[in-house]
Amino acid sequence: MAHDIVFFLAPDDAAAAATRLRGPGEACDSVTCRFVEPDTAIAEWDMYFEQPSAETPPVAQLLAWAWPEWVTAPLNDGIEVFALPKRLTRALANASAAELEELAGRWTARLRAEDGDDMTDDDLLTVLQGVARLAASALNTGGALYSWSF
């Protein structure tokens, strides 16, 4: 499980990869959260928009879903940078408040089932709303949405 996760905007993969060692920093528009697996979250969000359902997907279905691509693969230090799929960026940018609430409820239910009392104390709806705001900005600026985690 990643300790720190930062969803951030960058103009391209090269700029996102450059954040690997130091993180995106304050110069990047970003949303932070803690103690979730960013690749699992990204896959679950993508699945939600492609196959909408308030129900938590079975683990086998989630594991079979297309996972985000690394911009920088993890090394022994555990730092990863993922690119969010463009279709997910579009879906988040265009998501209604109700869709984000439903997705946050589903995401919270899955994390609670997996992690119990050790689940993140971040407000997952607030995280999703922030990431959706970043996604809209990515579409408006021609940039892309990424996740940096340690």
Protein backbone atom coordinates (compact mmCIF):
# COMPACT_ATOMS: atom_id res chain seq x y z
CA MET A 1 0.00 0.00 0.00
CA ALA A 2 1.35 3.38 -0.96
CA HIS A 3 2.02 5.73 1.93
CA ASP A 4 1.67 8.99 -0.01
CA ILE A 5 -0.20 9.44 -3.29
CA VAL A 6 -0.30 12.60 -5.39
CA PHE A 7 -2.56 12.93 -8.43
CA PHE A 8 -1.15 15.74 -10.55
CA LEU A 9 -1.18 17.47 -13.92
CA ALA A 10 1.80 17.46 -16.26
CA PRO A 11 2.14 18.47 -19.89
CA ASP A 12 3.42 15.03 -20.94
CA ASP A 13 4.99 11.73 -19.84
CA ALA A 14 8.53 13.17 -19.83
CA ALA A 15 7.52 15.94 -17.42
CA ALA A 16 5.66 13.43 -15.24
CA ALA A 17 8.68 11.08 -15.23
CA ALA A 18 10.86 13.95 -14.07
CA THR A 19 8.88 14.01 -10.79
CA ARG A 20 9.99 10.49 -9.88
CA LEU A 21 12.63 11.27 -7.27
CA ARG A 22 11.26 14.42 -5.69
CA GLY A 23 7.51 14.13 -6.28
CA PRO A 24 5.38 16.64 -8.18
CA GLY A 25 6.00 19.42 -5.67
CA GLU A 26 3.97 22.52 -5.02
CA ALA A 27 4.45 23.87 -8.54
CA CYS A 28 2.07 21.21 -9.90
CA ASP A 29 -1.68 21.41 -9.45
CA SER A 30 -2.37 18.28 -7.40
CA VAL A 31 -4.55 16.28 -5.01
CA THR A 32 -3.00 14.18 -2.27
CA CYS A 33 -4.21 11.20 -0.31
CA ARG A 34 -2.66 8.48 1.81
CA PHE A 35 -2.73 4.75 2.29
CA VAL A 36 -4.43 3.55 -0.90
CA GLU A 37 -3.09 1.68 -3.90
CA PRO A 38 -3.16 4.19 -6.75
CA ASP A 39 -3.09 1.59 -9.53
CA THR A 40 -6.02 -0.28 -8.00
CA ALA A 41 -7.94 2.97 -7.51
CA ILE A 42 -7.30 4.04 -11.10
CA ALA A 43 -8.43 0.66 -12.43
CA GLU A 44 -11.54 0.72 -10.24
CA TRP A 45 -12.47 4.24 -11.33
CA ASP A 46 -12.00 3.30 -14.98
CA MET A 47 -14.14 0.20 -14.52
CA TYR A 48 -16.87 2.27 -12.87
CA PHE A 49 -17.17 4.65 -15.82
CA GLU A 50 -17.02 1.86 -18.40
CA GLN A 51 -19.44 -0.43 -16.49
CA PRO A 52 -21.36 1.80 -14.05
CA SER A 53 -22.60 0.11 -10.90
CA ALA A 54 -22.89 1.14 -7.27
CA GLU A 55 -21.86 -2.40 -6.30
CA THR A 56 -18.25 -3.18 -5.49
CA PRO A 57 -16.83 -5.29 -8.33
CA PRO A 58 -15.67 -8.82 -7.53
CA VAL A 59 -11.90 -8.93 -6.93
CA ALA A 60 -11.36 -11.22 -9.94
CA GLN A 61 -13.15 -8.75 -12.22
CA LEU A 62 -11.11 -5.83 -10.89
CA LEU A 63 -7.83 -7.74 -11.26
CA ALA A 64 -8.72 -8.61 -14.86
CA TRP A 65 -9.35 -4.94 -15.73
CA ALA A 66 -6.84 -2.89 -17.76
CA TRP A 67 -4.40 -1.36 -15.28
CA PRO A 68 -2.74 2.03 -15.67
CA GLU A 69 0.59 2.25 -17.45
CA TRP A 70 3.77 3.18 -15.65
CA VAL A 71 5.52 6.35 -16.69
CA THR A 72 8.36 5.24 -14.43
CA ALA A 73 8.42 1.65 -13.22
CA PRO A 74 8.98 1.04 -9.53
CA LEU A 75 12.48 0.40 -8.33
CA ASN A 76 13.56 -0.80 -4.91
CA ASP A 77 12.51 2.54 -3.43
CA GLY A 78 8.81 1.85 -4.17
CA ILE A 79 8.19 5.11 -6.03
CA GLU A 80 5.81 4.77 -8.99
CA VAL A 81 4.43 7.23 -11.52
CA PHE A 82 1.33 6.17 -13.44
CA ALA A 83 -0.48 7.82 -16.33
CA LEU A 84 -4.23 7.80 -15.95
CA PRO A 85 -5.94 6.48 -19.10
CA LYS A 86 -7.19 9.25 -21.36
CA ARG A 87 -10.72 7.78 -21.35
CA LEU A 88 -10.72 7.90 -17.54
CA THR A 89 -9.50 11.50 -17.59
CA ARG A 90 -12.39 12.39 -19.92
CA ALA A 91 -14.88 10.45 -17.78
CA LEU A 92 -13.73 12.14 -14.56
CA ALA A 93 -13.79 15.57 -16.20
CA ASN A 94 -17.39 15.02 -17.34
CA ALA A 95 -18.65 13.17 -14.25
CA SER A 96 -21.71 14.46 -12.46
CA ALA A 97 -21.73 15.05 -8.72
CA ALA A 98 -23.99 11.99 -8.36
CA GLU A 99 -21.54 9.78 -10.28
CA LEU A 100 -18.63 10.91 -8.11
CA GLU A 101 -20.68 10.27 -4.96
CA GLU A 102 -21.65 6.78 -6.15
CA LEU A 103 -18.06 5.96 -7.11
CA ALA A 104 -16.75 7.26 -3.78
CA GLY A 105 -19.25 5.06 -1.95
CA ARG A 106 -18.20 2.02 -3.94
CA TRP A 107 -14.50 2.78 -3.49
CA THR A 108 -14.97 3.31 0.26
CA ALA A 109 -16.87 0.02 0.59
CA ARG A 110 -14.09 -1.91 -1.17
CA LEU A 111 -11.35 -0.32 0.92
CA ARG A 112 -13.28 -0.90 4.14
CA ALA A 113 -13.81 -4.57 3.21
CA GLU A 114 -10.08 -4.99 2.44
CA ASP A 115 -8.47 -2.79 5.07
CA GLY A 116 -11.04 -2.52 7.87
CA ASP A 117 -9.98 -0.05 10.52
CA ASP A 118 -6.61 0.44 8.77
CA MET A 119 -8.24 2.11 5.78
CA THR A 120 -7.26 5.64 4.85
CA ASP A 121 -8.86 8.47 6.81
CA ASP A 122 -8.98 10.66 3.72
CA ASP A 123 -12.42 11.76 2.57
CA LEU A 124 -12.54 9.74 -0.65
CA LEU A 125 -15.33 11.84 -2.17
CA THR A 126 -13.17 14.94 -1.69
CA VAL A 127 -10.24 13.12 -3.30
CA LEU A 128 -12.40 12.12 -6.31
CA GLN A 129 -13.81 15.63 -6.65
CA GLY A 130 -10.28 17.02 -6.65
CA VAL A 131 -9.08 14.50 -9.22
CA ALA A 132 -12.15 15.28 -11.38
CA ARG A 133 -11.22 18.98 -11.19
CA LEU A 134 -7.67 18.09 -12.31
CA ALA A 135 -9.07 15.98 -15.14
CA ALA A 136 -11.15 18.92 -16.39
CA SER A 137 -8.06 21.10 -16.25
CA ALA A 138 -6.07 18.47 -18.18
CA LEU A 139 -8.65 18.51 -20.96
CA ASN A 140 -8.68 22.31 -21.07
CA THR A 141 -4.89 22.70 -21.15
CA GLY A 142 -3.94 19.71 -23.31
CA GLY A 143 -1.99 18.15 -20.45
CA ALA A 144 -2.48 14.78 -18.83
CA LEU A 145 -3.27 13.35 -15.43
CA TYR A 146 -0.75 11.29 -13.46
CA SER A 147 -0.29 9.60 -10.11
CA TRP A 148 2.94 9.67 -8.11
CA SER A 149 3.21 7.40 -5.10
CA PHE A 150 5.63 6.26 -2.47
